[in-house]
């Protein structure tokens, strides 16, 4: 989700959190650190800005966008089937007949 959100350009952590929604600052920070460690995002600082840190995709990170987009297309196409499977899995199974 973070990589997809960064596709539009550099963002500060607060902006990322607002765009993603439902993510704690702790989880966002841990995610960004992991993505940076793996070379997918770059962390830049601007000491003159009140919120001096921003993140941007690296060239390697941008290579993830097409596969992420493809998963989104798949989810849109097959989402109803996935939901039906989840509902079926959460429904208690009828007892099997004893022979």
PDB file of N, CA and C in Angstrom:
ATOM      1  N   UNK A   1       0.821  -1.183   0.000  1.00  0.00           N
ATOM      2  CA  UNK A   1       0.000   0.000   0.000  1.00  0.00           C
ATOM      3  C   UNK A   1       0.869   1.252   0.000  1.00  0.00           C
ATOM      4  N   UNK A   2       1.948   1.248   0.763  1.00  0.00           N
ATOM      5  CA  UNK A   2       2.827   2.416   0.826  1.00  0.00           C
ATOM      6  C   UNK A   2       3.466   2.677  -0.534  1.00  0.00           C
ATOM      7  N   UNK A   3       3.950   1.621  -1.180  1.00  0.00           N
ATOM      8  CA  UNK A   3       4.571   1.799  -2.490  1.00  0.00           C
ATOM      9  C   UNK A   3       3.581   2.401  -3.479  1.00  0.00           C
ATOM     10  N   UNK A   4       2.370   1.887  -3.497  1.00  0.00           N
ATOM     11  CA  UNK A   4       1.356   2.381  -4.425  1.00  0.00           C
ATOM     12  C   UNK A   4       1.035   3.845  -4.130  1.00  0.00           C
ATOM     13  N   UNK A   5       0.988   4.195  -2.861  1.00  0.00           N
ATOM     14  CA  UNK A   5       0.690   5.566  -2.468  1.00  0.00           C
ATOM     15  C   UNK A   5       1.803   6.522  -2.888  1.00  0.00           C
ATOM     16  N   UNK A   6       3.040   6.045  -2.903  1.00  0.00           N
ATOM     17  CA  UNK A   6       4.174   6.883  -3.300  1.00  0.00           C
ATOM     18  C   UNK A   6       4.312   7.031  -4.817  1.00  0.00           C
ATOM     19  N   UNK A   7       3.477   6.358  -5.588  1.00  0.00           N
ATOM     20  CA  UNK A   7       3.623   6.404  -7.044  1.00  0.00           C
ATOM     21  C   UNK A   7       3.449   7.815  -7.597  1.00  0.00           C
ATOM     22  N   UNK A   8       2.733   8.677  -6.887  1.00  0.00           N
ATOM     23  CA  UNK A   8       2.501  10.039  -7.358  1.00  0.00           C
ATOM     24  C   UNK A   8       3.634  11.003  -7.066  1.00  0.00           C
ATOM     25  N   UNK A   9       4.634  10.552  -6.332  1.00  0.00           N
ATOM     26  CA  UNK A   9       5.764  11.420  -6.020  1.00  0.00           C
ATOM     27  C   UNK A   9       6.085  11.407  -4.541  1.00  0.00           C
ATOM     28  N   UNK A  10       7.098  12.168  -4.162  1.00  0.00           N
ATOM     29  CA  UNK A  10       7.549  12.180  -2.767  1.00  0.00           C
ATOM     30  C   UNK A  10       6.441  12.607  -1.813  1.00  0.00           C
ATOM     31  N   UNK A  11       6.455  12.021  -0.618  1.00  0.00           N
ATOM     32  CA  UNK A  11       5.468  12.359   0.409  1.00  0.00           C
ATOM     33  C   UNK A  11       6.110  12.318   1.781  1.00  0.00           C
ATOM     34  N   UNK A  12       5.596  13.140   2.649  1.00  0.00           N
ATOM     35  CA  UNK A  12       6.004  13.134   4.053  1.00  0.00           C
ATOM     36  C   UNK A  12       5.182  12.071   4.778  1.00  0.00           C
ATOM     37  N   UNK A  13       5.714  11.536   5.875  1.00  0.00           N
ATOM     38  CA  UNK A  13       4.993  10.467   6.581  1.00  0.00           C
ATOM     39  C   UNK A  13       3.553  10.829   6.953  1.00  0.00           C
ATOM     40  N   UNK A  14       3.322  12.056   7.399  1.00  0.00           N
ATOM     41  CA  UNK A  14       1.956  12.459   7.767  1.00  0.00           C
ATOM     42  C   UNK A  14       1.037  12.389   6.551  1.00  0.00           C
ATOM     43  N   UNK A  15       1.528  12.850   5.411  1.00  0.00           N
ATOM     44  CA  UNK A  15       0.735  12.800   4.179  1.00  0.00           C
ATOM     45  C   UNK A  15       0.443  11.357   3.784  1.00  0.00           C
ATOM     46  N   UNK A  16       1.448  10.499   3.897  1.00  0.00           N
ATOM     47  CA  UNK A  16       1.239   9.080   3.577  1.00  0.00           C
ATOM     48  C   UNK A  16       0.172   8.476   4.474  1.00  0.00           C
ATOM     49  N   UNK A  17       0.278   8.743   5.770  1.00  0.00           N
ATOM     50  CA  UNK A  17      -0.699   8.209   6.716  1.00  0.00           C
ATOM     51  C   UNK A  17      -2.112   8.652   6.394  1.00  0.00           C
ATOM     52  N   UNK A  18      -2.262   9.923   6.007  1.00  0.00           N
ATOM     53  CA  UNK A  18      -3.591  10.441   5.652  1.00  0.00           C
ATOM     54  C   UNK A  18      -4.122   9.776   4.389  1.00  0.00           C
ATOM     55  N   UNK A  19      -3.267   9.586   3.406  1.00  0.00           N
ATOM     56  CA  UNK A  19      -3.706   8.971   2.144  1.00  0.00           C
ATOM     57  C   UNK A  19      -4.057   7.498   2.324  1.00  0.00           C
ATOM     58  N   UNK A  20      -3.265   6.813   3.132  1.00  0.00           N
ATOM     59  CA  UNK A  20      -3.508   5.382   3.335  1.00  0.00           C
ATOM     60  C   UNK A  20      -4.712   5.182   4.241  1.00  0.00           C
ATOM     61  N   UNK A  21      -4.752   5.879   5.350  1.00  0.00           N
ATOM     62  CA  UNK A  21      -5.841   5.755   6.311  1.00  0.00           C
ATOM     63  C   UNK A  21      -5.762   4.455   7.090  1.00  0.00           C
ATOM     64  N   UNK A  22      -6.102   4.511   8.362  1.00  0.00           N
ATOM     65  CA  UNK A  22      -6.153   3.318   9.190  1.00  0.00           C
ATOM     66  C   UNK A  22      -4.810   2.687   9.505  1.00  0.00           C
ATOM     67  N   UNK A  23      -3.730   3.449   9.410  1.00  0.00           N
ATOM     68  CA  UNK A  23      -2.405   2.916   9.719  1.00  0.00           C
ATOM     69  C   UNK A  23      -1.806   3.777  10.830  1.00  0.00           C
ATOM     70  N   UNK A  24      -1.288   3.131  11.849  1.00  0.00           N
ATOM     71  CA  UNK A  24      -0.674   3.887  12.942  1.00  0.00           C
ATOM     72  C   UNK A  24       0.670   4.435  12.490  1.00  0.00           C
ATOM     73  N   UNK A  25       1.120   5.480  13.146  1.00  0.00           N
ATOM     74  CA  UNK A  25       2.417   6.055  12.781  1.00  0.00           C
ATOM     75  C   UNK A  25       3.538   5.059  13.041  1.00  0.00           C
ATOM     76  N   UNK A  26       3.378   4.224  14.064  1.00  0.00           N
ATOM     77  CA  UNK A  26       4.399   3.210  14.365  1.00  0.00           C
ATOM     78  C   UNK A  26       4.512   2.202  13.221  1.00  0.00           C
ATOM     79  N   UNK A  27       3.387   1.691  12.764  1.00  0.00           N
ATOM     80  CA  UNK A  27       3.391   0.705  11.680  1.00  0.00           C
ATOM     81  C   UNK A  27       3.893   1.343  10.387  1.00  0.00           C
ATOM     82  N   UNK A  28       3.492   2.572  10.122  1.00  0.00           N
ATOM     83  CA  UNK A  28       3.965   3.266   8.927  1.00  0.00           C
ATOM     84  C   UNK A  28       5.479   3.448   8.978  1.00  0.00           C
ATOM     85  N   UNK A  29       6.002   3.876  10.125  1.00  0.00           N
ATOM     86  CA  UNK A  29       7.449   4.063  10.274  1.00  0.00           C
ATOM     87  C   UNK A  29       8.192   2.752  10.074  1.00  0.00           C
ATOM     88  N   UNK A  30       7.703   1.678  10.680  1.00  0.00           N
ATOM     89  CA  UNK A  30       8.348   0.364  10.520  1.00  0.00           C
ATOM     90  C   UNK A  30       8.316  -0.080   9.060  1.00  0.00           C
ATOM     91  N   UNK A  31       7.193   0.149   8.402  1.00  0.00           N
ATOM     92  CA  UNK A  31       7.059  -0.228   6.993  1.00  0.00           C
ATOM     93  C   UNK A  31       8.028   0.567   6.126  1.00  0.00           C
ATOM     94  N   UNK A  32       8.095   1.872   6.349  1.00  0.00           N
ATOM     95  CA  UNK A  32       9.008   2.717   5.576  1.00  0.00           C
ATOM     96  C   UNK A  32      10.462   2.315   5.796  1.00  0.00           C
ATOM     97  N   UNK A  33      10.817   1.993   7.024  1.00  0.00           N
ATOM     98  CA  UNK A  33      12.193   1.550   7.303  1.00  0.00           C
ATOM     99  C   UNK A  33      12.509   0.254   6.565  1.00  0.00           C
ATOM    100  N   UNK A  34      11.562  -0.664   6.557  1.00  0.00           N
ATOM    101  CA  UNK A  34      11.769  -1.922   5.836  1.00  0.00           C
ATOM    102  C   UNK A  34      11.898  -1.708   4.340  1.00  0.00           C
ATOM    103  N   UNK A  35      11.063  -0.839   3.791  1.00  0.00           N
ATOM    104  CA  UNK A  35      11.133  -0.538   2.360  1.00  0.00           C
ATOM    105  C   UNK A  35      12.444   0.157   2.013  1.00  0.00           C
ATOM    106  N   UNK A  36      12.904   1.023   2.902  1.00  0.00           N
ATOM    107  CA  UNK A  36      14.193   1.692   2.689  1.00  0.00           C
ATOM    108  C   UNK A  36      15.330   0.675   2.766  1.00  0.00           C
ATOM    109  N   UNK A  37      15.287  -0.204   3.744  1.00  0.00           N
ATOM    110  CA  UNK A  37      16.309  -1.242   3.902  1.00  0.00           C
ATOM    111  C   UNK A  37      16.418  -2.100   2.644  1.00  0.00           C
ATOM    112  N   UNK A  38      15.274  -2.370   2.021  1.00  0.00           N
ATOM    113  CA  UNK A  38      15.241  -3.212   0.824  1.00  0.00           C
ATOM    114  C   UNK A  38      15.458  -2.437  -0.472  1.00  0.00           C
ATOM    115  N   UNK A  39      15.743  -1.156  -0.369  1.00  0.00           N
ATOM    116  CA  UNK A  39      16.061  -0.360  -1.547  1.00  0.00           C
ATOM    117  C   UNK A  39      14.871   0.075  -2.374  1.00  0.00           C
ATOM    118  N   UNK A  40      13.667   0.012  -1.803  1.00  0.00           N
ATOM    119  CA  UNK A  40      12.464   0.352  -2.562  1.00  0.00           C
ATOM    120  C   UNK A  40      12.050   1.811  -2.405  1.00  0.00           C
ATOM    121  N   UNK A  41      12.422   2.422  -1.285  1.00  0.00           N
ATOM    122  CA  UNK A  41      12.163   3.846  -1.082  1.00  0.00           C
ATOM    123  C   UNK A  41      13.433   4.526  -0.608  1.00  0.00           C
ATOM    124  N   UNK A  42      13.471   5.827  -0.838  1.00  0.00           N
ATOM    125  CA  UNK A  42      14.595   6.653  -0.425  1.00  0.00           C
ATOM    126  C   UNK A  42      14.067   7.695   0.554  1.00  0.00           C
ATOM    127  N   UNK A  43      14.805   7.913   1.624  1.00  0.00           N
ATOM    128  CA  UNK A  43      14.427   8.896   2.638  1.00  0.00           C
ATOM    129  C   UNK A  43      15.260  10.149   2.427  1.00  0.00           C
ATOM    130  N   UNK A  44      14.584  11.286   2.275  1.00  0.00           N
ATOM    131  CA  UNK A  44      15.256  12.571   2.088  1.00  0.00           C
ATOM    132  C   UNK A  44      14.894  13.496   3.241  1.00  0.00           C
ATOM    133  N   UNK A  45      15.830  14.355   3.615  1.00  0.00           N
ATOM    134  CA  UNK A  45      15.542  15.327   4.668  1.00  0.00           C
ATOM    135  C   UNK A  45      15.671  16.743   4.119  1.00  0.00           C
ATOM    136  N   UNK A  46      14.803  17.612   4.617  1.00  0.00           N
ATOM    137  CA  UNK A  46      14.809  19.031   4.264  1.00  0.00           C
ATOM    138  C   UNK A  46      14.753  19.810   5.574  1.00  0.00           C
ATOM    139  N   UNK A  47      15.931  20.162   6.124  1.00  0.00           N
ATOM    140  CA  UNK A  47      15.967  20.813   7.437  1.00  0.00           C
ATOM    141  C   UNK A  47      15.158  22.109   7.516  1.00  0.00           C
ATOM    142  N   UNK A  48      14.894  22.757   6.402  1.00  0.00           N
ATOM    143  CA  UNK A  48      14.148  24.010   6.413  1.00  0.00           C
ATOM    144  C   UNK A  48      12.644  23.839   6.478  1.00  0.00           C
ATOM    145  N   UNK A  49      12.159  22.623   6.448  1.00  0.00           N
ATOM    146  CA  UNK A  49      10.715  22.360   6.451  1.00  0.00           C
ATOM    147  C   UNK A  49      10.285  21.923   7.844  1.00  0.00           C
ATOM    148  N   UNK A  50       9.082  22.325   8.286  1.00  0.00           N
ATOM    149  CA  UNK A  50       8.616  21.907   9.618  1.00  0.00           C
ATOM    150  C   UNK A  50       8.537  20.386   9.783  1.00  0.00           C
ATOM    151  N   UNK A  51       8.231  19.688   8.706  1.00  0.00           N
ATOM    152  CA  UNK A  51       8.227  18.222   8.718  1.00  0.00           C
ATOM    153  C   UNK A  51       9.336  17.798   7.757  1.00  0.00           C
ATOM    154  N   UNK A  52      10.574  17.658   8.260  1.00  0.00           N
ATOM    155  CA  UNK A  52      11.745  17.599   7.383  1.00  0.00           C
ATOM    156  C   UNK A  52      11.980  16.308   6.604  1.00  0.00           C
ATOM    157  N   UNK A  53      11.215  15.267   6.850  1.00  0.00           N
ATOM    158  CA  UNK A  53      11.490  13.982   6.196  1.00  0.00           C
ATOM    159  C   UNK A  53      10.447  13.701   5.124  1.00  0.00           C
ATOM    160  N   UNK A  54      10.906  13.237   3.971  1.00  0.00           N
ATOM    161  CA  UNK A  54       9.981  12.759   2.949  1.00  0.00           C
ATOM    162  C   UNK A  54      10.561  11.506   2.309  1.00  0.00           C
ATOM    163  N   UNK A  55       9.669  10.705   1.767  1.00  0.00           N
ATOM    164  CA  UNK A  55      10.047   9.447   1.131  1.00  0.00           C
ATOM    165  C   UNK A  55       9.641   9.488  -0.324  1.00  0.00           C
ATOM    166  N   UNK A  56      10.437   8.810  -1.146  1.00  0.00           N
ATOM    167  CA  UNK A  56      10.135   8.698  -2.578  1.00  0.00           C
ATOM    168  C   UNK A  56      10.519   7.301  -3.028  1.00  0.00           C
ATOM    169  N   UNK A  57       9.894   6.851  -4.093  1.00  0.00           N
ATOM    170  CA  UNK A  57      10.243   5.555  -4.668  1.00  0.00           C
ATOM    171  C   UNK A  57      11.616   5.628  -5.314  1.00  0.00           C
ATOM    172  N   UNK A  58      12.370   4.567  -5.191  1.00  0.00           N
ATOM    173  CA  UNK A  58      13.611   4.429  -5.944  1.00  0.00           C
ATOM    174  C   UNK A  58      13.264   3.810  -7.299  1.00  0.00           C
ATOM    175  N   UNK A  59      14.253   3.706  -8.163  1.00  0.00           N
ATOM    176  CA  UNK A  59      14.032   3.036  -9.454  1.00  0.00           C
ATOM    177  C   UNK A  59      13.570   1.602  -9.214  1.00  0.00           C
ATOM    178  N   UNK A  60      14.174   0.938  -8.245  1.00  0.00           N
ATOM    179  CA  UNK A  60      13.770  -0.431  -7.919  1.00  0.00           C
ATOM    180  C   UNK A  60      12.334  -0.455  -7.399  1.00  0.00           C
ATOM    181  N   UNK A  61      11.981   0.493  -6.556  1.00  0.00           N
ATOM    182  CA  UNK A  61      10.619   0.570  -6.036  1.00  0.00           C
ATOM    183  C   UNK A  61       9.594   0.775  -7.134  1.00  0.00           C
ATOM    184  N   UNK A  62       9.949   1.578  -8.141  1.00  0.00           N
ATOM    185  CA  UNK A  62       9.014   1.814  -9.253  1.00  0.00           C
ATOM    186  C   UNK A  62       8.750   0.541 -10.047  1.00  0.00           C
ATOM    187  N   UNK A  63       9.684  -0.410 -10.024  1.00  0.00           N
ATOM    188  CA  UNK A  63       9.439  -1.668 -10.745  1.00  0.00           C
ATOM    189  C   UNK A  63       8.329  -2.487 -10.094  1.00  0.00           C
ATOM    190  N   UNK A  64       7.976  -2.170  -8.865  1.00  0.00           N
ATOM    191  CA  UNK A  64       6.903  -2.892  -8.164  1.00  0.00           C
ATOM    192  C   UNK A  64       5.512  -2.409  -8.570  1.00  0.00           C
ATOM    193  N   UNK A  65       5.421  -1.242  -9.174  1.00  0.00           N
ATOM    194  CA  UNK A  65       4.109  -0.652  -9.445  1.00  0.00           C
ATOM    195  C   UNK A  65       3.269  -1.465 -10.424  1.00  0.00           C
ATOM    196  N   UNK A  66       3.871  -1.968 -11.489  1.00  0.00           N
ATOM    197  CA  UNK A  66       3.091  -2.764 -12.455  1.00  0.00           C
ATOM    198  C   UNK A  66       2.529  -4.034 -11.811  1.00  0.00           C
ATOM    199  N   UNK A  67       3.335  -4.814 -11.072  1.00  0.00           N
ATOM    200  CA  UNK A  67       2.751  -5.990 -10.414  1.00  0.00           C
ATOM    201  C   UNK A  67       1.684  -5.631  -9.378  1.00  0.00           C
ATOM    202  N   UNK A  68       1.889  -4.547  -8.631  1.00  0.00           N
ATOM    203  CA  UNK A  68       0.879  -4.131  -7.654  1.00  0.00           C
ATOM    204  C   UNK A  68      -0.410  -3.744  -8.377  1.00  0.00           C
ATOM    205  N   UNK A  69      -0.290  -3.029  -9.480  1.00  0.00           N
ATOM    206  CA  UNK A  69      -1.466  -2.663 -10.273  1.00  0.00           C
ATOM    207  C   UNK A  69      -2.186  -3.884 -10.809  1.00  0.00           C
ATOM    208  N   UNK A  70      -1.419  -4.883 -11.236  1.00  0.00           N
ATOM    209  CA  UNK A  70      -2.019  -6.119 -11.752  1.00  0.00           C
ATOM    210  C   UNK A  70      -2.800  -6.844 -10.659  1.00  0.00           C
ATOM    211  N   UNK A  71      -2.276  -6.848  -9.447  1.00  0.00           N
ATOM    212  CA  UNK A  71      -2.997  -7.472  -8.326  1.00  0.00           C
ATOM    213  C   UNK A  71      -4.289  -6.699  -8.057  1.00  0.00           C
ATOM    214  N   UNK A  72      -4.242  -5.383  -8.165  1.00  0.00           N
ATOM    215  CA  UNK A  72      -5.453  -4.580  -7.987  1.00  0.00           C
ATOM    216  C   UNK A  72      -6.516  -4.908  -9.020  1.00  0.00           C
ATOM    217  N   UNK A  73      -6.105  -5.069 -10.264  1.00  0.00           N
ATOM    218  CA  UNK A  73      -7.041  -5.448 -11.333  1.00  0.00           C
ATOM    219  C   UNK A  73      -7.637  -6.820 -11.036  1.00  0.00           C
ATOM    220  N   UNK A  74      -6.786  -7.760 -10.624  1.00  0.00           N
ATOM    221  CA  UNK A  74      -7.256  -9.103 -10.288  1.00  0.00           C
ATOM    222  C   UNK A  74      -8.260  -9.040  -9.134  1.00  0.00           C
ATOM    223  N   UNK A  75      -7.937  -8.264  -8.093  1.00  0.00           N
ATOM    224  CA  UNK A  75      -8.821  -8.165  -6.928  1.00  0.00           C
ATOM    225  C   UNK A  75     -10.175  -7.577  -7.320  1.00  0.00           C
ATOM    226  N   UNK A  76     -10.163  -6.604  -8.206  1.00  0.00           N
ATOM    227  CA  UNK A  76     -11.417  -6.015  -8.665  1.00  0.00           C
ATOM    228  C   UNK A  76     -12.249  -7.049  -9.414  1.00  0.00           C
ATOM    229  N   UNK A  77     -11.582  -7.839 -10.245  1.00  0.00           N
ATOM    230  CA  UNK A  77     -12.278  -8.837 -11.057  1.00  0.00           C
ATOM    231  C   UNK A  77     -12.784 -10.016 -10.228  1.00  0.00           C
ATOM    232  N   UNK A  78     -11.995 -10.466  -9.261  1.00  0.00           N
ATOM    233  CA  UNK A  78     -12.332 -11.686  -8.521  1.00  0.00           C
ATOM    234  C   UNK A  78     -12.701 -11.440  -7.062  1.00  0.00           C
ATOM    235  N   UNK A  79     -12.849 -10.193  -6.674  1.00  0.00           N
ATOM    236  CA  UNK A  79     -13.142  -9.868  -5.278  1.00  0.00           C
ATOM    237  C   UNK A  79     -14.392 -10.537  -4.737  1.00  0.00           C
ATOM    238  N   UNK A  80     -15.451 -10.598  -5.547  1.00  0.00           N
ATOM    239  CA  UNK A  80     -16.691 -11.231  -5.083  1.00  0.00           C
ATOM    240  C   UNK A  80     -16.481 -12.710  -4.793  1.00  0.00           C
ATOM    241  N   UNK A  81     -15.695 -13.372  -5.631  1.00  0.00           N
ATOM    242  CA  UNK A  81     -15.416 -14.791  -5.408  1.00  0.00           C
ATOM    243  C   UNK A  81     -14.588 -15.001  -4.142  1.00  0.00           C
ATOM    244  N   UNK A  82     -13.644 -14.116  -3.900  1.00  0.00           N
ATOM    245  CA  UNK A  82     -12.834 -14.211  -2.683  1.00  0.00           C
ATOM    246  C   UNK A  82     -13.723 -14.016  -1.458  1.00  0.00           C
ATOM    247  N   UNK A  83     -14.604 -13.023  -1.505  1.00  0.00           N
ATOM    248  CA  UNK A  83     -15.517 -12.778  -0.384  1.00  0.00           C
ATOM    249  C   UNK A  83     -16.423 -13.985  -0.140  1.00  0.00           C
ATOM    250  N   UNK A  84     -16.925 -14.590  -1.202  1.00  0.00           N
ATOM    251  CA  UNK A  84     -17.781 -15.771  -1.057  1.00  0.00           C
ATOM    252  C   UNK A  84     -17.006 -16.917  -0.422  1.00  0.00           C
ATOM    253  N   UNK A  85     -15.753 -17.088  -0.827  1.00  0.00           N
ATOM    254  CA  UNK A  85     -14.928 -18.151  -0.240  1.00  0.00           C
ATOM    255  C   UNK A  85     -14.697 -17.888   1.242  1.00  0.00           C
ATOM    256  N   UNK A  86     -14.466 -16.629   1.608  1.00  0.00           N
ATOM    257  CA  UNK A  86     -14.254 -16.289   3.016  1.00  0.00           C
ATOM    258  C   UNK A  86     -15.516 -16.535   3.828  1.00  0.00           C
ATOM    259  N   UNK A  87     -16.655 -16.163   3.274  1.00  0.00           N
ATOM    260  CA  UNK A  87     -17.918 -16.393   3.972  1.00  0.00           C
ATOM    261  C   UNK A  87     -18.175 -17.884   4.138  1.00  0.00           C
ATOM    262  N   UNK A  88     -17.866 -18.666   3.105  1.00  0.00           N
ATOM    263  CA  UNK A  88     -18.036 -20.114   3.192  1.00  0.00           C
ATOM    264  C   UNK A  88     -17.116 -20.733   4.224  1.00  0.00           C
ATOM    265  N   UNK A  89     -15.922 -20.202   4.340  1.00  0.00           N
ATOM    266  CA  UNK A  89     -14.959 -20.738   5.303  1.00  0.00           C
ATOM    267  C   UNK A  89     -15.353 -20.401   6.733  1.00  0.00           C
ATOM    268  N   UNK A  90     -16.079 -19.295   6.922  1.00  0.00           N
ATOM    269  CA  UNK A  90     -16.448 -18.910   8.281  1.00  0.00           C
ATOM    270  C   UNK A  90     -17.777 -19.512   8.719  1.00  0.00           C
ATOM    271  N   UNK A  91     -18.488 -20.159   7.799  1.00  0.00           N
ATOM    272  CA  UNK A  91     -19.738 -20.825   8.135  1.00  0.00           C
ATOM    273  C   UNK A  91     -19.420 -22.203   8.691  1.00  0.00           C
ATOM    274  N   UNK A  92     -19.970 -22.528   9.860  1.00  0.00           N
ATOM    275  CA  UNK A  92     -19.682 -23.854  10.422  1.00  0.00           C
ATOM    276  C   UNK A  92     -20.125 -24.960   9.468  1.00  0.00           C
ATOM    277  N   UNK A  93     -19.270 -25.918   9.299  1.00  0.00           N
ATOM    278  CA  UNK A  93     -19.577 -27.043   8.411  1.00  0.00           C
ATOM    279  C   UNK A  93     -20.599 -27.955   9.079  1.00  0.00           C
ATOM    280  N   UNK A  94     -21.475 -28.501   8.251  1.00  0.00           N
ATOM    281  CA  UNK A  94     -22.452 -29.465   8.762  1.00  0.00           C
ATOM    282  C   UNK A  94     -21.715 -30.742   9.135  1.00  0.00           C
ATOM    283  N   UNK A  95     -22.156 -31.397  10.195  1.00  0.00           N
ATOM    284  CA  UNK A  95     -21.485 -32.649  10.567  1.00  0.00           C
ATOM    285  C   UNK A  95     -21.615 -33.674   9.450  1.00  0.00           C
ATOM    286  N   UNK A  96     -20.538 -34.382   9.208  1.00  0.00           N
ATOM    287  CA  UNK A  96     -20.581 -35.403   8.166  1.00  0.00           C
ATOM    288  C   UNK A  96     -21.303 -36.631   8.705  1.00  0.00           C
ATOM    289  N   UNK A  97     -22.036 -37.309   7.821  1.00  0.00           N
ATOM    290  CA  UNK A  97     -22.776 -38.497   8.269  1.00  0.00           C
ATOM    291  C   UNK A  97     -21.821 -39.592   8.731  1.00  0.00           C
ATOM    292  N   UNK A  98     -22.240 -40.293   9.758  1.00  0.00           N
ATOM    293  CA  UNK A  98     -21.442 -41.406  10.284  1.00  0.00           C
ATOM    294  C   UNK A  98     -21.933 -42.680   9.626  1.00  0.00           C
ATOM    295  N   UNK A  99     -21.009 -43.493   9.126  1.00  0.00           N
ATOM    296  CA  UNK A  99     -21.387 -44.748   8.465  1.00  0.00           C
ATOM    297  C   UNK A  99     -21.150 -45.905   9.366  1.00  0.00           C
TER     298      UNK A  99
END
